[in-house]
Amino acid sequence: MTLSDAVRQLRDASPDVAGRPRVIAIDGRGGAGKTTLAEKLRTVESNSAIVHTDDVAWNHAYFDWGAVLAENILQPLHRGEPVNFRPDAWNSHDRAGSITIPAGADVVWVEGTGIIREELGPWLDASVYIQGDLDEQKRLLVARDGDSAEQQEHVTNWLREELPFMLRERPWSRATLIVAGTSALDHNPDTELVVAAPISL
């Protein structure tokens, strides 16, 4: 499937949206390629913005950030309002800047592990789950974040919460589109995705 066709399918999943951006989630386990996919989709949907749940979760919690995201980002977007949000942890840890989304965007891509969850279902218009190869994802995480003792402890603590969360929420069963993070099928990764039909478990 071309990137353009993927964007069209995701937009078609919520044909009645008007007066606000479509909110489209991109989920998958750590290292699956969520940020990379969001950036690719933004090149197709030029009037769009990206929210990283890692920014909402920063120094807050691995997964217990749904209410913060909904109240401060997703609900304002549904009202057609711009977003300019500084999480409490940003203030207490002196992190500069804020999470900003200008008014008038057509699509907001919200990417991060755990975004497709029952709690946030009312605020999501469509979603993508990236199914990854766990060995490849581990390699990518090490390449990105290193393998220091501190990082290994972080990964251990993350997995302790990630695995039960994923098994409980089963985001792949709610996704509009399932994308292969790695695939042996011949395709152009710059312009095409390898996809599977949505599943229901």
C-alpha atoms as a PDB file:
ATOM      1  CA  MET A   1       0.000   0.000   0.000  1.00  0.00           C
ATOM      2  CA  THR A   2       1.334   3.443  -0.831  1.00  0.00           C
ATOM      3  CA  LEU A   3       1.638   6.031   1.925  1.00  0.00           C
ATOM      4  CA  SER A   4      -0.986   8.097   0.119  1.00  0.00           C
ATOM      5  CA  ASP A   5      -3.424   5.179   0.097  1.00  0.00           C
ATOM      6  CA  ALA A   6      -2.770   4.571   3.794  1.00  0.00           C
ATOM      7  CA  VAL A   7      -3.555   8.198   4.632  1.00  0.00           C
ATOM      8  CA  ARG A   8      -6.700   8.014   2.510  1.00  0.00           C
ATOM      9  CA  GLN A   9      -7.858   4.850   4.305  1.00  0.00           C
ATOM     10  CA  LEU A  10      -7.223   6.401   7.713  1.00  0.00           C
ATOM     11  CA  ARG A  11      -9.104   9.566   6.764  1.00  0.00           C
ATOM     12  CA  ASP A  12     -11.995   7.525   5.373  1.00  0.00           C
ATOM     13  CA  ALA A  13     -12.359   5.791   8.748  1.00  0.00           C
ATOM     14  CA  SER A  14     -13.821   9.048  10.106  1.00  0.00           C
ATOM     15  CA  PRO A  15     -15.622  10.700   7.172  1.00  0.00           C
ATOM     16  CA  ASP A  16     -17.821  12.982   9.273  1.00  0.00           C
ATOM     17  CA  VAL A  17     -15.065  14.924  11.041  1.00  0.00           C
ATOM     18  CA  ALA A  18     -15.538  18.666  10.566  1.00  0.00           C
ATOM     19  CA  GLY A  19     -14.331  21.771  12.348  1.00  0.00           C
ATOM     20  CA  ARG A  20     -11.372  20.022  13.955  1.00  0.00           C
ATOM     21  CA  PRO A  21      -8.402  17.841  13.013  1.00  0.00           C
ATOM     22  CA  ARG A  22      -8.646  14.111  12.697  1.00  0.00           C
ATOM     23  CA  VAL A  23      -6.789  12.457  15.566  1.00  0.00           C
ATOM     24  CA  ILE A  24      -4.964   9.349  14.345  1.00  0.00           C
ATOM     25  CA  ALA A  25      -3.012   7.130  16.741  1.00  0.00           C
ATOM     26  CA  ILE A  26       0.161   5.205  15.918  1.00  0.00           C
ATOM     27  CA  ASP A  27       0.958   2.432  18.402  1.00  0.00           C
ATOM     28  CA  GLY A  28       3.485  -0.376  18.678  1.00  0.00           C
ATOM     29  CA  ARG A  29       6.084  -1.646  21.081  1.00  0.00           C
ATOM     30  CA  GLY A  30       9.317   0.209  21.775  1.00  0.00           C
ATOM     31  CA  GLY A  31      11.532   0.437  18.704  1.00  0.00           C
ATOM     32  CA  ALA A  32       8.786  -0.563  16.276  1.00  0.00           C
ATOM     33  CA  GLY A  33       9.191   2.581  14.153  1.00  0.00           C
ATOM     34  CA  LYS A  34       6.263   4.718  15.324  1.00  0.00           C
ATOM     35  CA  THR A  35       8.054   8.057  15.103  1.00  0.00           C
ATOM     36  CA  THR A  36       9.493   7.200  11.694  1.00  0.00           C
ATOM     37  CA  LEU A  37       6.056   6.237  10.379  1.00  0.00           C
ATOM     38  CA  ALA A  38       4.482   9.403  11.769  1.00  0.00           C
ATOM     39  CA  GLU A  39       7.093  11.507   9.972  1.00  0.00           C
ATOM     40  CA  LYS A  40       6.467   9.635   6.704  1.00  0.00           C
ATOM     41  CA  LEU A  41       2.705  10.104   6.982  1.00  0.00           C
ATOM     42  CA  ARG A  42       3.187  13.798   7.721  1.00  0.00           C
ATOM     43  CA  THR A  43       5.006  14.206   4.412  1.00  0.00           C
ATOM     44  CA  VAL A  44       1.836  12.985   2.672  1.00  0.00           C
ATOM     45  CA  GLU A  45      -0.575  14.945   4.876  1.00  0.00           C
ATOM     46  CA  SER A  46       1.327  18.218   4.884  1.00  0.00           C
ATOM     47  CA  ASN A  47      -1.131  20.160   7.067  1.00  0.00           C
ATOM     48  CA  SER A  48      -0.629  17.891  10.048  1.00  0.00           C
ATOM     49  CA  ALA A  49       1.182  17.762  13.374  1.00  0.00           C
ATOM     50  CA  ILE A  50       2.732  15.044  15.527  1.00  0.00           C
ATOM     51  CA  VAL A  51       2.321  14.502  19.263  1.00  0.00           C
ATOM     52  CA  HIS A  52       4.725  12.130  20.998  1.00  0.00           C
ATOM     53  CA  THR A  53       3.280  10.420  24.059  1.00  0.00           C
ATOM     54  CA  ASP A  54       6.852  10.192  25.395  1.00  0.00           C
ATOM     55  CA  ASP A  55       6.632  13.964  25.890  1.00  0.00           C
ATOM     56  CA  VAL A  56       3.419  13.616  27.897  1.00  0.00           C
ATOM     57  CA  ALA A  57       4.865  10.699  29.888  1.00  0.00           C
ATOM     58  CA  TRP A  58       8.286  12.307  30.496  1.00  0.00           C
ATOM     59  CA  ASN A  59       9.166  11.976  34.188  1.00  0.00           C
ATOM     60  CA  HIS A  60       5.506  11.154  34.866  1.00  0.00           C
ATOM     61  CA  ALA A  61       4.738   7.469  34.222  1.00  0.00           C
ATOM     62  CA  TYR A  62       5.379   4.771  31.644  1.00  0.00           C
ATOM     63  CA  PHE A  63       1.696   4.204  30.866  1.00  0.00           C
ATOM     64  CA  ASP A  64      -0.486   6.038  33.390  1.00  0.00           C
ATOM     65  CA  TRP A  65      -0.800   9.206  31.291  1.00  0.00           C
ATOM     66  CA  GLY A  66      -4.084   8.638  29.447  1.00  0.00           C
ATOM     67  CA  ALA A  67      -6.121  11.133  31.464  1.00  0.00           C
ATOM     68  CA  VAL A  68      -3.416  13.815  31.122  1.00  0.00           C
ATOM     69  CA  LEU A  69      -3.289  13.353  27.347  1.00  0.00           C
ATOM     70  CA  ALA A  70      -7.073  13.364  26.992  1.00  0.00           C
ATOM     71  CA  GLU A  71      -7.696  16.429  29.145  1.00  0.00           C
ATOM     72  CA  ASN A  72      -4.883  18.621  27.854  1.00  0.00           C
ATOM     73  CA  ILE A  73      -4.464  17.575  24.216  1.00  0.00           C
ATOM     74  CA  LEU A  74      -7.190  15.335  22.786  1.00  0.00           C
ATOM     75  CA  GLN A  75     -10.209  17.151  24.211  1.00  0.00           C
ATOM     76  CA  PRO A  76      -8.998  20.602  23.096  1.00  0.00           C
ATOM     77  CA  LEU A  77      -8.357  19.188  19.614  1.00  0.00           C
ATOM     78  CA  HIS A  78     -11.913  17.844  19.516  1.00  0.00           C
ATOM     79  CA  ARG A  79     -13.142  21.360  20.331  1.00  0.00           C
ATOM     80  CA  GLY A  80     -11.134  22.688  17.386  1.00  0.00           C
ATOM     81  CA  GLU A  81      -8.753  24.550  19.688  1.00  0.00           C
ATOM     82  CA  PRO A  82      -4.974  24.936  19.409  1.00  0.00           C
ATOM     83  CA  VAL A  83      -2.841  23.217  22.038  1.00  0.00           C
ATOM     84  CA  ASN A  84      -0.065  24.727  24.129  1.00  0.00           C
ATOM     85  CA  PHE A  85       0.542  22.375  27.033  1.00  0.00           C
ATOM     86  CA  ARG A  86       3.339  22.088  29.581  1.00  0.00           C
ATOM     87  CA  PRO A  87       3.045  18.879  31.612  1.00  0.00           C
ATOM     88  CA  ASP A  88       3.623  19.263  35.343  1.00  0.00           C
ATOM     89  CA  ALA A  89       6.857  17.273  35.143  1.00  0.00           C
ATOM     90  CA  TRP A  90       8.249  19.759  32.634  1.00  0.00           C
ATOM     91  CA  ASN A  91       7.780  22.505  35.196  1.00  0.00           C
ATOM     92  CA  SER A  92       9.192  20.558  38.132  1.00  0.00           C
ATOM     93  CA  HIS A  93      12.244  19.391  36.122  1.00  0.00           C
ATOM     94  CA  ASP A  94      12.831  22.708  34.290  1.00  0.00           C
ATOM     95  CA  ARG A  95      12.309  21.300  30.807  1.00  0.00           C
ATOM     96  CA  ALA A  96      11.988  24.109  28.306  1.00  0.00           C
ATOM     97  CA  GLY A  97       9.191  24.574  25.786  1.00  0.00           C
ATOM     98  CA  SER A  98       5.748  23.022  25.532  1.00  0.00           C
ATOM     99  CA  ILE A  99       3.668  20.624  23.450  1.00  0.00           C
ATOM    100  CA  THR A 100       2.099  22.818  20.784  1.00  0.00           C
ATOM    101  CA  ILE A 101      -0.368  22.149  17.984  1.00  0.00           C
ATOM    102  CA  PRO A 102      -1.524  25.112  15.916  1.00  0.00           C
ATOM    103  CA  ALA A 103      -5.153  25.676  15.055  1.00  0.00           C
ATOM    104  CA  GLY A 104      -6.280  24.576  11.611  1.00  0.00           C
ATOM    105  CA  ALA A 105      -4.365  21.296  11.257  1.00  0.00           C
ATOM    106  CA  ASP A 106      -6.150  18.662   9.182  1.00  0.00           C
ATOM    107  CA  VAL A 107      -4.625  15.692  11.024  1.00  0.00           C
ATOM    108  CA  VAL A 108      -2.830  15.201  14.324  1.00  0.00           C
ATOM    109  CA  TRP A 109      -0.750  12.020  14.508  1.00  0.00           C
ATOM    110  CA  VAL A 110      -0.394  10.852  18.129  1.00  0.00           C
ATOM    111  CA  GLU A 111       2.385   8.296  18.324  1.00  0.00           C
ATOM    112  CA  GLY A 112       3.550   6.207  21.241  1.00  0.00           C
ATOM    113  CA  THR A 113       3.353   2.837  22.910  1.00  0.00           C
ATOM    114  CA  GLY A 114      -0.013   2.550  24.622  1.00  0.00           C
ATOM    115  CA  ILE A 115      -1.942   5.213  22.707  1.00  0.00           C
ATOM    116  CA  ILE A 116      -4.522   2.731  21.357  1.00  0.00           C
ATOM    117  CA  ARG A 117      -6.335   1.937  24.596  1.00  0.00           C
ATOM    118  CA  GLU A 118      -9.944   1.649  25.643  1.00  0.00           C
ATOM    119  CA  GLU A 119      -9.695   4.760  27.811  1.00  0.00           C
ATOM    120  CA  LEU A 120      -8.812   6.950  24.808  1.00  0.00           C
ATOM    121  CA  GLY A 121     -11.100   5.315  22.249  1.00  0.00           C
ATOM    122  CA  PRO A 122     -13.642   8.181  22.205  1.00  0.00           C
ATOM    123  CA  TRP A 123     -10.929  10.653  21.183  1.00  0.00           C
ATOM    124  CA  LEU A 124      -9.300   8.665  18.362  1.00  0.00           C
ATOM    125  CA  ASP A 125     -10.662   8.795  14.815  1.00  0.00           C
ATOM    126  CA  ALA A 126      -8.421   6.061  13.385  1.00  0.00           C
ATOM    127  CA  SER A 127      -5.319   4.152  14.360  1.00  0.00           C
ATOM    128  CA  VAL A 128      -2.284   2.237  13.155  1.00  0.00           C
ATOM    129  CA  TYR A 129      -0.584  -0.607  14.992  1.00  0.00           C
ATOM    130  CA  ILE A 130       2.985  -1.438  13.958  1.00  0.00           C
ATOM    131  CA  GLN A 131       3.743  -5.128  14.336  1.00  0.00           C
ATOM    132  CA  GLY A 132       7.481  -5.461  14.835  1.00  0.00           C
ATOM    133  CA  ASP A 133      10.161  -8.091  15.014  1.00  0.00           C
ATOM    134  CA  LEU A 134      11.203  -8.038  18.679  1.00  0.00           C
ATOM    135  CA  ASP A 135      14.888  -8.825  18.024  1.00  0.00           C
ATOM    136  CA  GLU A 136      15.089  -6.036  15.446  1.00  0.00           C
ATOM    137  CA  GLN A 137      13.309  -3.635  17.781  1.00  0.00           C
ATOM    138  CA  LYS A 138      15.812  -4.444  20.554  1.00  0.00           C
ATOM    139  CA  ARG A 139      18.690  -3.751  18.166  1.00  0.00           C
ATOM    140  CA  LEU A 140      17.165  -0.425  17.130  1.00  0.00           C
ATOM    141  CA  LEU A 141      16.584   0.606  20.740  1.00  0.00           C
ATOM    142  CA  VAL A 142      20.220  -0.123  21.615  1.00  0.00           C
ATOM    143  CA  ALA A 143      21.377   1.830  18.562  1.00  0.00           C
ATOM    144  CA  ARG A 144      19.154   4.754  19.549  1.00  0.00           C
ATOM    145  CA  ASP A 145      19.480   4.795  23.346  1.00  0.00           C
ATOM    146  CA  GLY A 146      22.654   2.814  24.100  1.00  0.00           C
ATOM    147  CA  ASP A 147      23.061  -0.156  26.429  1.00  0.00           C
ATOM    148  CA  SER A 148      24.464   1.426  29.572  1.00  0.00           C
ATOM    149  CA  ALA A 149      23.565  -0.109  32.937  1.00  0.00           C
ATOM    150  CA  GLU A 150      21.145   2.758  33.499  1.00  0.00           C
ATOM    151  CA  GLN A 151      19.470   2.189  30.138  1.00  0.00           C
ATOM    152  CA  GLN A 152      19.229  -1.568  30.735  1.00  0.00           C
ATOM    153  CA  GLU A 153      17.512  -0.888  34.061  1.00  0.00           C
ATOM    154  CA  HIS A 154      15.119   1.492  32.298  1.00  0.00           C
ATOM    155  CA  VAL A 155      14.265  -1.160  29.677  1.00  0.00           C
ATOM    156  CA  THR A 156      13.704  -3.784  32.369  1.00  0.00           C
ATOM    157  CA  ASN A 157      11.357  -1.478  34.266  1.00  0.00           C
ATOM    158  CA  TRP A 158       9.600  -0.519  31.025  1.00  0.00           C
ATOM    159  CA  LEU A 159       8.992  -4.133  29.998  1.00  0.00           C
ATOM    160  CA  ARG A 160       7.645  -4.931  33.445  1.00  0.00           C
ATOM    161  CA  GLU A 161       4.782  -2.535  32.689  1.00  0.00           C
ATOM    162  CA  GLU A 162       4.607  -2.763  28.890  1.00  0.00           C
ATOM    163  CA  LEU A 163       3.901  -6.479  28.573  1.00  0.00           C
ATOM    164  CA  PRO A 164       0.894  -6.632  30.947  1.00  0.00           C
ATOM    165  CA  PHE A 165      -0.435  -3.374  29.486  1.00  0.00           C
ATOM    166  CA  MET A 166      -0.286  -4.655  25.914  1.00  0.00           C
ATOM    167  CA  LEU A 167      -1.871  -7.976  26.808  1.00  0.00           C
ATOM    168  CA  ARG A 168      -4.697  -6.188  28.607  1.00  0.00           C
ATOM    169  CA  GLU A 169      -5.404  -3.512  25.977  1.00  0.00           C
ATOM    170  CA  ARG A 170      -4.631  -5.577  22.824  1.00  0.00           C
ATOM    171  CA  PRO A 171      -4.169  -2.491  20.630  1.00  0.00           C
ATOM    172  CA  TRP A 172      -3.733  -4.576  17.484  1.00  0.00           C
ATOM    173  CA  SER A 173      -7.352  -5.710  17.803  1.00  0.00           C
ATOM    174  CA  ARG A 174      -8.603  -2.088  17.715  1.00  0.00           C
ATOM    175  CA  ALA A 175      -6.372  -0.752  14.939  1.00  0.00           C
ATOM    176  CA  THR A 176      -7.737   0.573  11.660  1.00  0.00           C
ATOM    177  CA  LEU A 177      -4.549  -0.521   9.916  1.00  0.00           C
ATOM    178  CA  ILE A 178      -1.798  -2.971  10.886  1.00  0.00           C
ATOM    179  CA  VAL A 179       1.633  -2.189   9.463  1.00  0.00           C
ATOM    180  CA  ALA A 180       4.684  -4.441   9.361  1.00  0.00           C
ATOM    181  CA  GLY A 181       7.589  -2.686  11.026  1.00  0.00           C
ATOM    182  CA  THR A 182       9.973  -5.068   9.262  1.00  0.00           C
ATOM    183  CA  SER A 183       9.087  -7.178   6.237  1.00  0.00           C
ATOM    184  CA  ALA A 184      10.793  -9.449   3.739  1.00  0.00           C
ATOM    185  CA  LEU A 185       8.207  -8.501   1.114  1.00  0.00           C
ATOM    186  CA  ASP A 186       9.595  -6.442  -1.744  1.00  0.00           C
ATOM    187  CA  HIS A 187       8.516  -2.802  -1.349  1.00  0.00           C
ATOM    188  CA  ASN A 188       9.868   0.734  -1.358  1.00  0.00           C
ATOM    189  CA  PRO A 189      10.032   1.759   2.338  1.00  0.00           C
ATOM    190  CA  ASP A 190      10.123   5.444   1.367  1.00  0.00           C
ATOM    191  CA  THR A 191       6.752   5.360  -0.377  1.00  0.00           C
ATOM    192  CA  GLU A 192       5.036   2.077   0.561  1.00  0.00           C
ATOM    193  CA  LEU A 193       3.872   0.148   3.617  1.00  0.00           C
ATOM    194  CA  VAL A 194       3.365  -3.575   4.071  1.00  0.00           C
ATOM    195  CA  VAL A 195      -0.048  -3.923   5.708  1.00  0.00           C
ATOM    196  CA  ALA A 196      -2.444  -6.538   7.032  1.00  0.00           C
ATOM    197  CA  ALA A 197      -6.183  -6.374   7.327  1.00  0.00           C
ATOM    198  CA  PRO A 198      -7.549  -5.333  10.734  1.00  0.00           C
ATOM    199  CA  ILE A 199      -8.142  -8.222  13.105  1.00  0.00           C
ATOM    200  CA  SER A 200     -10.635  -8.834  15.849  1.00  0.00           C
ATOM    201  CA  LEU A 201      -9.730 -11.003  18.806  1.00  0.00           C
END
